[in-house]
Amino acid sequence: MEKPHSHNIWESGRMVEAARRHRRIVQVGTQNPSKEYCLAAREFVRSGRLGRIGLVKVYNLKSGGPFRLGPAGTSPPGFDWDRWLGRAPFRPYHQQIFAGGWHQYWDVCGGDLTDDGIHQLDLALMLLGDPGLPHNVRAVGGRYVHRGDDSEVPDVMVVNWEFDDFVMTFELTGYPRYMVKSSDTLRRKTIVSDWKQNATRVELYGSELLMIVGRHGGGFVVEKNDSQVVEKVLGEVGDAEHYRNFIECVRSRQTPNADISIAHASNVIAHMGNIAHRVGNVALRFDAATGRFDDERANAMIRPPYRAGYELPEV
């Protein structure tokens, strides 16, 4: 299943319930839990050698340009635009939206926080032992560089969440051309090339050591004073291992590496960040037991309205 696996927090919870009720194997496309170097990084964290971790930084500092909607175009013959929109409010067909511009609109997407950043968030939670949901969220962001274009989603965004034992931050951009995503080609030969230009990394600040982990390839490095390398592990993308794990679990009925119940947490915190931004760049308290915020504007986004004919039934 592609990530993010839901348009909102409410849908994610219903998917977890449905998978358990019907005893189905549901694997989400956050491939990190299936890759050896990610598992090795998690074991290093579990060893305690990093020391006490109070701060985790997650980056999604990608390049990008302004978005222009352009002329509407014509719907392809036989294409059901209404069904493509699904639960989202109806709008006339537009070629640029269908061709990828949907990433720029809240009705059908969560911006790059849910489109790409959720991979790094999921990896960070995995490294930290799946700590559950945070108590609060804060966000700031907007269109600061590509001002006046046709996008609704931020090109600069900073979010932080407070958990029981640590704070996690997330930084997003959609403009600096010198940033490069983790990839096989970027770090197949060397792990310690300039990490500050890696757009999709996770940094764990322990009291003793620093760990930097690349997502979807990139491996990890552990450093101490003066950037002295304590350990480094190369790593490539884990797609094949993820597919294999899903097929094996369909046969064995075991829980897959990125089970829907595990991916639920990263999905929720990503939506929390977008909600805090969309209601006015605010701080929100969140009660994991009830799944509610301390702001009714935010609660309205947990389960937004569904267009007639595309409602999800209550079971």
C-alpha atoms as a PDB file:
ATOM      1  CA  MET A   1       0.000   0.000   0.000  1.00  0.00           C
ATOM      2  CA  GLU A   2       1.301   3.428  -0.960  1.00  0.00           C
ATOM      3  CA  LYS A   3       2.130   5.944   1.720  1.00  0.00           C
ATOM      4  CA  PRO A   4       0.599   7.964   3.211  1.00  0.00           C
ATOM      5  CA  HIS A   5      -2.059   5.339   3.636  1.00  0.00           C
ATOM      6  CA  SER A   6      -4.850   7.777   4.514  1.00  0.00           C
ATOM      7  CA  HIS A   7      -6.079  11.287   3.732  1.00  0.00           C
ATOM      8  CA  ASN A   8      -6.696  12.016   7.404  1.00  0.00           C
ATOM      9  CA  ILE A   9      -6.284  10.715  10.961  1.00  0.00           C
ATOM     10  CA  TRP A  10      -9.744   9.154  11.182  1.00  0.00           C
ATOM     11  CA  GLU A  11      -9.252   7.035   8.060  1.00  0.00           C
ATOM     12  CA  SER A  12      -5.982   5.640   9.388  1.00  0.00           C
ATOM     13  CA  GLY A  13      -7.629   4.434  12.581  1.00  0.00           C
ATOM     14  CA  ARG A  14     -10.444   2.794  10.638  1.00  0.00           C
ATOM     15  CA  MET A  15      -7.921   0.991   8.433  1.00  0.00           C
ATOM     16  CA  VAL A  16      -6.149  -0.476  11.452  1.00  0.00           C
ATOM     17  CA  GLU A  17      -9.492  -1.688  12.821  1.00  0.00           C
ATOM     18  CA  ALA A  18     -10.537  -3.187   9.469  1.00  0.00           C
ATOM     19  CA  ALA A  19      -7.239  -5.043   9.026  1.00  0.00           C
ATOM     20  CA  ARG A  20      -7.598  -6.626  12.468  1.00  0.00           C
ATOM     21  CA  ARG A  21     -11.301  -7.380  12.159  1.00  0.00           C
ATOM     22  CA  HIS A  22     -10.885  -9.160   8.836  1.00  0.00           C
ATOM     23  CA  ARG A  23      -7.476 -10.668   9.668  1.00  0.00           C
ATOM     24  CA  ARG A  24      -5.779  -9.176   6.644  1.00  0.00           C
ATOM     25  CA  ILE A  25      -2.072  -8.599   5.993  1.00  0.00           C
ATOM     26  CA  VAL A  26      -1.649  -4.890   5.243  1.00  0.00           C
ATOM     27  CA  GLN A  27       1.857  -3.590   4.545  1.00  0.00           C
ATOM     28  CA  VAL A  28       2.450   0.150   4.035  1.00  0.00           C
ATOM     29  CA  GLY A  29       5.086   1.403   1.587  1.00  0.00           C
ATOM     30  CA  THR A  30       7.479   2.804   4.149  1.00  0.00           C
ATOM     31  CA  GLN A  31      10.313   0.499   3.163  1.00  0.00           C
ATOM     32  CA  ASN A  32      12.811   1.439   5.870  1.00  0.00           C
ATOM     33  CA  PRO A  33      11.872  -1.378   8.328  1.00  0.00           C
ATOM     34  CA  SER A  34      12.817  -3.982   5.715  1.00  0.00           C
ATOM     35  CA  LYS A  35      16.361  -2.765   5.010  1.00  0.00           C
ATOM     36  CA  GLU A  36      19.385  -4.199   6.800  1.00  0.00           C
ATOM     37  CA  TYR A  37      21.159  -0.911   7.448  1.00  0.00           C
ATOM     38  CA  CYS A  38      18.018   0.571   9.052  1.00  0.00           C
ATOM     39  CA  LEU A  39      17.697  -2.471  11.300  1.00  0.00           C
ATOM     40  CA  ALA A  40      21.401  -2.198  12.175  1.00  0.00           C
ATOM     41  CA  ALA A  41      20.921   1.466  13.052  1.00  0.00           C
ATOM     42  CA  ARG A  42      17.998   0.556  15.305  1.00  0.00           C
ATOM     43  CA  GLU A  43      20.124  -2.040  17.081  1.00  0.00           C
ATOM     44  CA  PHE A  44      22.857   0.535  17.606  1.00  0.00           C
ATOM     45  CA  VAL A  45      20.314   2.855  19.246  1.00  0.00           C
ATOM     46  CA  ARG A  46      19.003  -0.012  21.385  1.00  0.00           C
ATOM     47  CA  SER A  47      22.545  -0.721  22.576  1.00  0.00           C
ATOM     48  CA  GLY A  48      22.516   2.567  24.452  1.00  0.00           C
ATOM     49  CA  ARG A  49      25.831   3.716  23.012  1.00  0.00           C
ATOM     50  CA  LEU A  50      24.342   7.011  21.796  1.00  0.00           C
ATOM     51  CA  GLY A  51      23.452   7.842  25.391  1.00  0.00           C
ATOM     52  CA  ARG A  52      20.226   9.569  26.329  1.00  0.00           C
ATOM     53  CA  ILE A  53      18.431  10.956  23.255  1.00  0.00           C
ATOM     54  CA  GLY A  54      16.573  14.197  23.899  1.00  0.00           C
ATOM     55  CA  LEU A  55      16.436  15.651  20.395  1.00  0.00           C
ATOM     56  CA  VAL A  56      15.700  14.084  17.008  1.00  0.00           C
ATOM     57  CA  LYS A  57      15.856  16.137  13.808  1.00  0.00           C
ATOM     58  CA  VAL A  58      14.082  14.979  10.658  1.00  0.00           C
ATOM     59  CA  TYR A  59      14.798  16.669   7.337  1.00  0.00           C
ATOM     60  CA  ASN A  60      12.890  16.916   4.066  1.00  0.00           C
ATOM     61  CA  LEU A  61      14.846  19.790   2.526  1.00  0.00           C
ATOM     62  CA  LYS A  62      14.115  19.252  -1.142  1.00  0.00           C
ATOM     63  CA  SER A  63      14.573  21.376  -4.243  1.00  0.00           C
ATOM     64  CA  GLY A  64      11.663  22.604  -6.353  1.00  0.00           C
ATOM     65  CA  GLY A  65      10.193  25.447  -8.344  1.00  0.00           C
ATOM     66  CA  PRO A  66       6.982  27.468  -8.422  1.00  0.00           C
ATOM     67  CA  PHE A  67       3.739  25.749  -9.416  1.00  0.00           C
ATOM     68  CA  ARG A  68       1.564  27.239 -12.144  1.00  0.00           C
ATOM     69  CA  LEU A  69      -1.839  25.728 -12.913  1.00  0.00           C
ATOM     70  CA  GLY A  70      -1.914  26.777 -16.556  1.00  0.00           C
ATOM     71  CA  PRO A  71      -4.781  26.076 -19.001  1.00  0.00           C
ATOM     72  CA  ALA A  72      -7.373  23.464 -18.096  1.00  0.00           C
ATOM     73  CA  GLY A  73      -6.883  20.966 -20.905  1.00  0.00           C
ATOM     74  CA  THR A  74      -9.295  18.178 -21.846  1.00  0.00           C
ATOM     75  CA  SER A  75     -10.110  15.032 -19.898  1.00  0.00           C
ATOM     76  CA  PRO A  76      -8.878  11.855 -21.668  1.00  0.00           C
ATOM     77  CA  PRO A  77     -11.634   9.750 -23.299  1.00  0.00           C
ATOM     78  CA  GLY A  78     -13.158   7.261 -20.856  1.00  0.00           C
ATOM     79  CA  PHE A  79     -11.447   8.812 -17.844  1.00  0.00           C
ATOM     80  CA  ASP A  80     -13.716   9.147 -14.781  1.00  0.00           C
ATOM     81  CA  TRP A  81     -12.635  12.462 -13.247  1.00  0.00           C
ATOM     82  CA  ASP A  82     -15.367  12.286 -10.611  1.00  0.00           C
ATOM     83  CA  ARG A  83     -14.075   8.964  -9.319  1.00  0.00           C
ATOM     84  CA  TRP A  84     -10.489  10.206  -9.469  1.00  0.00           C
ATOM     85  CA  LEU A  85     -11.428  13.075  -7.136  1.00  0.00           C
ATOM     86  CA  GLY A  86     -13.182  10.664  -4.787  1.00  0.00           C
ATOM     87  CA  ARG A  87     -13.967  12.173  -1.386  1.00  0.00           C
ATOM     88  CA  ALA A  88     -12.524  15.583  -2.330  1.00  0.00           C
ATOM     89  CA  PRO A  89     -14.855  18.477  -3.227  1.00  0.00           C
ATOM     90  CA  PHE A  90     -15.665  18.513  -6.910  1.00  0.00           C
ATOM     91  CA  ARG A  91     -13.671  20.799  -9.183  1.00  0.00           C
ATOM     92  CA  PRO A  92     -13.571  20.942 -12.997  1.00  0.00           C
ATOM     93  CA  TYR A  93     -10.988  18.732 -14.689  1.00  0.00           C
ATOM     94  CA  HIS A  94      -7.537  20.238 -15.035  1.00  0.00           C
ATOM     95  CA  GLN A  95      -4.677  18.532 -16.839  1.00  0.00           C
ATOM     96  CA  GLN A  96      -1.991  20.000 -14.589  1.00  0.00           C
ATOM     97  CA  ILE A  97      -3.695  18.642 -11.461  1.00  0.00           C
ATOM     98  CA  PHE A  98      -4.070  15.172 -12.989  1.00  0.00           C
ATOM     99  CA  ALA A  99      -0.447  15.181 -14.190  1.00  0.00           C
ATOM    100  CA  GLY A 100       1.001  15.648 -10.711  1.00  0.00           C
ATOM    101  CA  GLY A 101      -0.154  19.058  -9.617  1.00  0.00           C
ATOM    102  CA  TRP A 102      -2.490  17.365  -7.156  1.00  0.00           C
ATOM    103  CA  HIS A 103       0.470  17.419  -4.764  1.00  0.00           C
ATOM    104  CA  GLN A 104      -0.137  21.162  -4.459  1.00  0.00           C
ATOM    105  CA  TYR A 105      -3.723  21.037  -3.119  1.00  0.00           C
ATOM    106  CA  TRP A 106      -4.971  20.171   0.360  1.00  0.00           C
ATOM    107  CA  ASP A 107      -8.170  18.568  -0.955  1.00  0.00           C
ATOM    108  CA  VAL A 108      -6.220  15.655  -2.439  1.00  0.00           C
ATOM    109  CA  CYS A 109      -2.821  15.730  -0.734  1.00  0.00           C
ATOM    110  CA  GLY A 110      -0.993  16.618   2.471  1.00  0.00           C
ATOM    111  CA  GLY A 111       1.848  18.470   0.807  1.00  0.00           C
ATOM    112  CA  ASP A 112       5.366  17.087   0.908  1.00  0.00           C
ATOM    113  CA  LEU A 113       5.122  16.375   4.624  1.00  0.00           C
ATOM    114  CA  THR A 114       2.894  13.372   3.870  1.00  0.00           C
ATOM    115  CA  ASP A 115       4.080  12.747   0.325  1.00  0.00           C
ATOM    116  CA  ASP A 116       7.775  12.304   1.090  1.00  0.00           C
ATOM    117  CA  GLY A 117       8.608  13.460   4.601  1.00  0.00           C
ATOM    118  CA  ILE A 118       6.568  10.657   6.118  1.00  0.00           C
ATOM    119  CA  HIS A 119       9.324   8.225   5.061  1.00  0.00           C
ATOM    120  CA  GLN A 120      11.834   9.984   7.310  1.00  0.00           C
ATOM    121  CA  LEU A 121       9.322  10.370  10.138  1.00  0.00           C
ATOM    122  CA  ASP A 122       8.538   6.669  10.005  1.00  0.00           C
ATOM    123  CA  LEU A 123      12.252   5.844  10.050  1.00  0.00           C
ATOM    124  CA  ALA A 124      12.840   8.117  13.040  1.00  0.00           C
ATOM    125  CA  LEU A 125      10.046   6.477  15.047  1.00  0.00           C
ATOM    126  CA  MET A 126      11.400   3.032  14.135  1.00  0.00           C
ATOM    127  CA  LEU A 127      14.901   3.961  15.341  1.00  0.00           C
ATOM    128  CA  LEU A 128      13.404   5.200  18.614  1.00  0.00           C
ATOM    129  CA  GLY A 129      11.550   1.951  19.248  1.00  0.00           C
ATOM    130  CA  ASP A 130       8.081   3.093  18.091  1.00  0.00           C
ATOM    131  CA  PRO A 131       7.382   5.398  21.052  1.00  0.00           C
ATOM    132  CA  GLY A 132       3.696   5.975  20.331  1.00  0.00           C
ATOM    133  CA  LEU A 133       2.040   9.339  19.767  1.00  0.00           C
ATOM    134  CA  PRO A 134       3.192  12.771  21.004  1.00  0.00           C
ATOM    135  CA  HIS A 135       1.450  15.042  23.494  1.00  0.00           C
ATOM    136  CA  ASN A 136       1.518  18.150  21.347  1.00  0.00           C
ATOM    137  CA  VAL A 137       2.516  19.618  18.004  1.00  0.00           C
ATOM    138  CA  ARG A 138       3.635  23.053  16.826  1.00  0.00           C
ATOM    139  CA  ALA A 139       4.028  24.272  13.249  1.00  0.00           C
ATOM    140  CA  VAL A 140       5.071  27.290  11.227  1.00  0.00           C
ATOM    141  CA  GLY A 141       5.237  27.524   7.463  1.00  0.00           C
ATOM    142  CA  GLY A 142       3.980  29.016   4.240  1.00  0.00           C
ATOM    143  CA  ARG A 143       4.926  29.996   0.685  1.00  0.00           C
ATOM    144  CA  TYR A 144       8.014  32.054   1.425  1.00  0.00           C
ATOM    145  CA  VAL A 145      10.120  31.523  -1.711  1.00  0.00           C
ATOM    146  CA  HIS A 146       7.563  30.738  -4.422  1.00  0.00           C
ATOM    147  CA  ARG A 147       5.240  33.542  -3.376  1.00  0.00           C
ATOM    148  CA  GLY A 148       2.249  34.233  -5.581  1.00  0.00           C
ATOM    149  CA  ASP A 149       2.199  30.915  -7.440  1.00  0.00           C
ATOM    150  CA  ASP A 150      -0.812  28.566  -7.520  1.00  0.00           C
ATOM    151  CA  SER A 151       0.144  26.097  -4.780  1.00  0.00           C
ATOM    152  CA  GLU A 152      -1.679  25.816  -1.442  1.00  0.00           C
ATOM    153  CA  VAL A 153       1.011  23.827   0.393  1.00  0.00           C
ATOM    154  CA  PRO A 154       4.092  25.315   2.104  1.00  0.00           C
ATOM    155  CA  ASP A 155       7.507  25.569   0.483  1.00  0.00           C
ATOM    156  CA  VAL A 156       8.987  26.142   3.953  1.00  0.00           C
ATOM    157  CA  MET A 157       7.655  24.351   7.022  1.00  0.00           C
ATOM    158  CA  VAL A 158       8.946  23.549  10.494  1.00  0.00           C
ATOM    159  CA  VAL A 159       7.088  21.204  12.855  1.00  0.00           C
ATOM    160  CA  ASN A 160       7.937  19.857  16.277  1.00  0.00           C
ATOM    161  CA  TRP A 161       6.328  17.215  18.448  1.00  0.00           C
ATOM    162  CA  GLU A 162       6.847  16.568  22.172  1.00  0.00           C
ATOM    163  CA  PHE A 163       6.967  12.919  23.262  1.00  0.00           C
ATOM    164  CA  ASP A 164       7.473  11.539  26.767  1.00  0.00           C
ATOM    165  CA  ASP A 165      11.272  11.536  26.594  1.00  0.00           C
ATOM    166  CA  PHE A 166      12.315  13.620  23.595  1.00  0.00           C
ATOM    167  CA  VAL A 167      11.423  16.348  21.136  1.00  0.00           C
ATOM    168  CA  MET A 168      11.322  15.643  17.401  1.00  0.00           C
ATOM    169  CA  THR A 169      11.619  18.401  14.818  1.00  0.00           C
ATOM    170  CA  PHE A 170      10.840  18.324  11.094  1.00  0.00           C
ATOM    171  CA  GLU A 171      12.119  20.812   8.534  1.00  0.00           C
ATOM    172  CA  LEU A 172      10.753  21.014   4.984  1.00  0.00           C
ATOM    173  CA  THR A 173      11.678  23.058   1.945  1.00  0.00           C
ATOM    174  CA  GLY A 174      10.654  23.033  -1.688  1.00  0.00           C
ATOM    175  CA  TYR A 175      13.231  25.275  -3.329  1.00  0.00           C
ATOM    176  CA  PRO A 176      17.047  24.916  -2.672  1.00  0.00           C
ATOM    177  CA  ARG A 177      18.511  23.385  -5.837  1.00  0.00           C
ATOM    178  CA  TYR A 178      21.636  22.039  -4.099  1.00  0.00           C
ATOM    179  CA  MET A 179      19.758  19.565  -1.862  1.00  0.00           C
ATOM    180  CA  VAL A 180      19.768  15.900  -2.932  1.00  0.00           C
ATOM    181  CA  LYS A 181      17.602  13.027  -1.690  1.00  0.00           C
ATOM    182  CA  SER A 182      19.220   9.919  -0.250  1.00  0.00           C
ATOM    183  CA  SER A 183      19.712   7.385  -3.011  1.00  0.00           C
ATOM    184  CA  ASP A 184      21.843   4.462  -4.100  1.00  0.00           C
ATOM    185  CA  THR A 185      23.910   6.659  -6.393  1.00  0.00           C
ATOM    186  CA  LEU A 186      24.412   9.377  -3.780  1.00  0.00           C
ATOM    187  CA  ARG A 187      26.019   7.147  -1.156  1.00  0.00           C
ATOM    188  CA  ARG A 188      26.976   3.823  -2.703  1.00  0.00           C
ATOM    189  CA  LYS A 189      30.689   4.654  -2.627  1.00  0.00           C
ATOM    190  CA  THR A 190      31.032   6.785   0.496  1.00  0.00           C
ATOM    191  CA  ILE A 191      28.932   7.352   3.571  1.00  0.00           C
ATOM    192  CA  VAL A 192      30.543  10.552   4.795  1.00  0.00           C
ATOM    193  CA  SER A 193      30.129  12.876   1.820  1.00  0.00           C
ATOM    194  CA  ASP A 194      28.522  16.161   2.764  1.00  0.00           C
ATOM    195  CA  TRP A 195      25.565  15.163   4.948  1.00  0.00           C
ATOM    196  CA  LYS A 196      24.267  18.732   5.256  1.00  0.00           C
ATOM    197  CA  GLN A 197      23.232  18.589   1.594  1.00  0.00           C
ATOM    198  CA  ASN A 198      21.363  15.296   2.057  1.00  0.00           C
ATOM    199  CA  ALA A 199      17.731  16.359   1.785  1.00  0.00           C
ATOM    200  CA  THR A 200      16.190  13.315   3.480  1.00  0.00           C
ATOM    201  CA  ARG A 201      18.151  12.455   6.601  1.00  0.00           C
ATOM    202  CA  VAL A 202      17.416  11.765  10.256  1.00  0.00           C
ATOM    203  CA  GLU A 203      19.718  12.970  13.052  1.00  0.00           C
ATOM    204  CA  LEU A 204      19.636  11.496  16.560  1.00  0.00           C
ATOM    205  CA  TYR A 205      21.431  13.591  19.177  1.00  0.00           C
ATOM    206  CA  GLY A 206      22.492  11.315  22.006  1.00  0.00           C
ATOM    207  CA  SER A 207      24.285  12.551  25.091  1.00  0.00           C
ATOM    208  CA  GLU A 208      27.382  10.608  23.964  1.00  0.00           C
ATOM    209  CA  LEU A 209      27.213  10.231  20.183  1.00  0.00           C
ATOM    210  CA  LEU A 210      25.481  11.619  17.100  1.00  0.00           C
ATOM    211  CA  MET A 211      23.816   9.310  14.552  1.00  0.00           C
ATOM    212  CA  ILE A 212      22.869  10.418  11.025  1.00  0.00           C
ATOM    213  CA  VAL A 213      20.740   8.043   8.951  1.00  0.00           C
ATOM    214  CA  GLY A 214      19.772   8.330   5.290  1.00  0.00           C
ATOM    215  CA  ARG A 215      16.389   7.153   4.114  1.00  0.00           C
ATOM    216  CA  HIS A 216      15.924   4.836   1.100  1.00  0.00           C
ATOM    217  CA  GLY A 217      19.617   4.233   0.855  1.00  0.00           C
ATOM    218  CA  GLY A 218      22.466   6.162   2.353  1.00  0.00           C
ATOM    219  CA  GLY A 219      23.300   3.954   5.297  1.00  0.00           C
ATOM    220  CA  PHE A 220      24.247   5.628   8.560  1.00  0.00           C
ATOM    221  CA  VAL A 221      27.185   7.156  10.361  1.00  0.00           C
ATOM    222  CA  VAL A 222      27.860   7.572  14.091  1.00  0.00           C
ATOM    223  CA  GLU A 223      30.219  10.353  15.181  1.00  0.00           C
ATOM    224  CA  LYS A 224      31.805  11.679  18.353  1.00  0.00           C
ATOM    225  CA  ASN A 225      33.866  14.801  19.099  1.00  0.00           C
ATOM    226  CA  ASP A 226      35.400  16.617  16.100  1.00  0.00           C
ATOM    227  CA  SER A 227      33.332  14.503  13.675  1.00  0.00           C
ATOM    228  CA  GLN A 228      35.391  11.405  14.401  1.00  0.00           C
ATOM    229  CA  VAL A 229      33.575   8.410  12.893  1.00  0.00           C
ATOM    230  CA  VAL A 230      32.711   5.683  15.404  1.00  0.00           C
ATOM    231  CA  GLU A 231      30.766   3.510  12.975  1.00  0.00           C
ATOM    232  CA  LYS A 232      29.509   3.689   9.415  1.00  0.00           C
ATOM    233  CA  VAL A 233      27.328   1.298   7.461  1.00  0.00           C
ATOM    234  CA  LEU A 234      26.532   1.562   3.757  1.00  0.00           C
ATOM    235  CA  GLY A 235      22.996   0.906   2.592  1.00  0.00           C
ATOM    236  CA  GLU A 236      20.823   0.839  -0.484  1.00  0.00           C
ATOM    237  CA  VAL A 237      17.082   1.095  -1.090  1.00  0.00           C
ATOM    238  CA  GLY A 238      15.004  -1.681   0.509  1.00  0.00           C
ATOM    239  CA  ASP A 239      12.190  -2.108  -2.028  1.00  0.00           C
ATOM    240  CA  ALA A 240      12.937  -5.745  -2.899  1.00  0.00           C
ATOM    241  CA  GLU A 241      13.186  -6.771   0.750  1.00  0.00           C
ATOM    242  CA  HIS A 242       9.905  -4.996   1.499  1.00  0.00           C
ATOM    243  CA  TYR A 243       8.063  -6.799  -1.286  1.00  0.00           C
ATOM    244  CA  ARG A 244       9.537 -10.101  -0.153  1.00  0.00           C
ATOM    245  CA  ASN A 245       8.463  -9.507   3.444  1.00  0.00           C
ATOM    246  CA  PHE A 246       4.878  -8.813   2.371  1.00  0.00           C
ATOM    247  CA  ILE A 247       4.639 -11.986   0.278  1.00  0.00           C
ATOM    248  CA  GLU A 248       6.145 -14.075   3.072  1.00  0.00           C
ATOM    249  CA  CYS A 249       3.643 -12.644   5.575  1.00  0.00           C
ATOM    250  CA  VAL A 250       0.698 -13.312   3.265  1.00  0.00           C
ATOM    251  CA  ARG A 251       1.779 -16.947   3.335  1.00  0.00           C
ATOM    252  CA  SER A 252       2.690 -17.176   7.022  1.00  0.00           C
ATOM    253  CA  ARG A 253       0.060 -14.720   8.398  1.00  0.00           C
ATOM    254  CA  GLN A 254       2.779 -13.055  10.460  1.00  0.00           C
ATOM    255  CA  THR A 255       2.797  -9.295  11.040  1.00  0.00           C
ATOM    256  CA  PRO A 256       4.733  -7.524   8.259  1.00  0.00           C
ATOM    257  CA  ASN A 257       7.583  -5.105   8.899  1.00  0.00           C
ATOM    258  CA  ALA A 258       5.481  -2.023   8.107  1.00  0.00           C
ATOM    259  CA  ASP A 259       2.138  -3.292   9.363  1.00  0.00           C
ATOM    260  CA  ILE A 260      -0.728  -0.811   9.161  1.00  0.00           C
ATOM    261  CA  SER A 261      -0.822  -0.587  12.973  1.00  0.00           C
ATOM    262  CA  ILE A 262       2.859   0.427  13.067  1.00  0.00           C
ATOM    263  CA  ALA A 263       2.565   2.895  10.180  1.00  0.00           C
ATOM    264  CA  HIS A 264      -0.472   4.455  11.877  1.00  0.00           C
ATOM    265  CA  ALA A 265       1.758   6.486  14.221  1.00  0.00           C
ATOM    266  CA  SER A 266       3.870   8.133  11.520  1.00  0.00           C
ATOM    267  CA  ASN A 267       0.709   8.786   9.526  1.00  0.00           C
ATOM    268  CA  VAL A 268      -0.963  10.492  12.491  1.00  0.00           C
ATOM    269  CA  ILE A 269       1.978  12.714  13.391  1.00  0.00           C
ATOM    270  CA  ALA A 270       2.320  13.835   9.771  1.00  0.00           C
ATOM    271  CA  HIS A 271      -1.354  14.830   9.681  1.00  0.00           C
ATOM    272  CA  MET A 272      -0.914  16.529  13.073  1.00  0.00           C
ATOM    273  CA  GLY A 273       1.808  18.723  11.587  1.00  0.00           C
ATOM    274  CA  ASN A 274      -0.341  19.735   8.639  1.00  0.00           C
ATOM    275  CA  ILE A 275      -3.309  20.461  10.887  1.00  0.00           C
ATOM    276  CA  ALA A 276      -1.248  22.711  13.177  1.00  0.00           C
ATOM    277  CA  HIS A 277      -0.087  24.621  10.087  1.00  0.00           C
ATOM    278  CA  ARG A 278      -3.467  24.849   8.412  1.00  0.00           C
ATOM    279  CA  VAL A 279      -5.365  26.202  11.417  1.00  0.00           C
ATOM    280  CA  GLY A 280      -2.954  29.127  11.628  1.00  0.00           C
ATOM    281  CA  ASN A 281       0.577  27.939  12.441  1.00  0.00           C
ATOM    282  CA  VAL A 282      -0.303  27.171  16.053  1.00  0.00           C
ATOM    283  CA  ALA A 283       0.575  24.889  18.959  1.00  0.00           C
ATOM    284  CA  LEU A 284      -1.931  22.114  19.711  1.00  0.00           C
ATOM    285  CA  ARG A 285      -2.222  19.661  22.563  1.00  0.00           C
ATOM    286  CA  PHE A 286      -3.177  16.129  21.561  1.00  0.00           C
ATOM    287  CA  ASP A 287      -4.771  13.396  23.680  1.00  0.00           C
ATOM    288  CA  ALA A 288      -3.732  10.051  22.207  1.00  0.00           C
ATOM    289  CA  ALA A 289      -6.330   8.213  24.298  1.00  0.00           C
ATOM    290  CA  THR A 290      -9.236  10.124  22.772  1.00  0.00           C
ATOM    291  CA  GLY A 291      -7.562  11.096  19.506  1.00  0.00           C
ATOM    292  CA  ARG A 292      -8.603  14.726  19.996  1.00  0.00           C
ATOM    293  CA  PHE A 293      -6.942  18.135  20.001  1.00  0.00           C
ATOM    294  CA  ASP A 294      -7.600  21.018  22.384  1.00  0.00           C
ATOM    295  CA  ASP A 295      -8.852  23.134  19.462  1.00  0.00           C
ATOM    296  CA  GLU A 296     -12.134  22.425  17.691  1.00  0.00           C
ATOM    297  CA  ARG A 297     -10.797  23.839  14.424  1.00  0.00           C
ATOM    298  CA  ALA A 298      -8.161  21.112  14.508  1.00  0.00           C
ATOM    299  CA  ASN A 299     -10.665  18.428  15.531  1.00  0.00           C
ATOM    300  CA  ALA A 300     -12.737  19.270  12.449  1.00  0.00           C
ATOM    301  CA  MET A 301      -9.782  18.173  10.310  1.00  0.00           C
ATOM    302  CA  ILE A 302      -9.444  14.766  11.962  1.00  0.00           C
ATOM    303  CA  ARG A 303     -12.365  13.639   9.847  1.00  0.00           C
ATOM    304  CA  PRO A 304     -13.185  16.284   7.219  1.00  0.00           C
ATOM    305  CA  PRO A 305     -16.419  16.160   5.186  1.00  0.00           C
ATOM    306  CA  TYR A 306     -16.762  13.546   2.455  1.00  0.00           C
ATOM    307  CA  ARG A 307     -18.411  14.294  -0.868  1.00  0.00           C
ATOM    308  CA  ALA A 308     -21.780  12.642  -1.434  1.00  0.00           C
ATOM    309  CA  GLY A 309     -21.353   9.165  -2.846  1.00  0.00           C
ATOM    310  CA  TYR A 310     -17.859   8.736  -1.421  1.00  0.00           C
ATOM    311  CA  GLU A 311     -18.607   8.595   2.295  1.00  0.00           C
ATOM    312  CA  LEU A 312     -17.022   5.859   4.376  1.00  0.00           C
ATOM    313  CA  PRO A 313     -19.691   3.983   6.328  1.00  0.00           C
ATOM    314  CA  GLU A 314     -19.548   3.619  10.089  1.00  0.00           C
ATOM    315  CA  VAL A 315     -19.204  -0.058  11.057  1.00  0.00           C
END
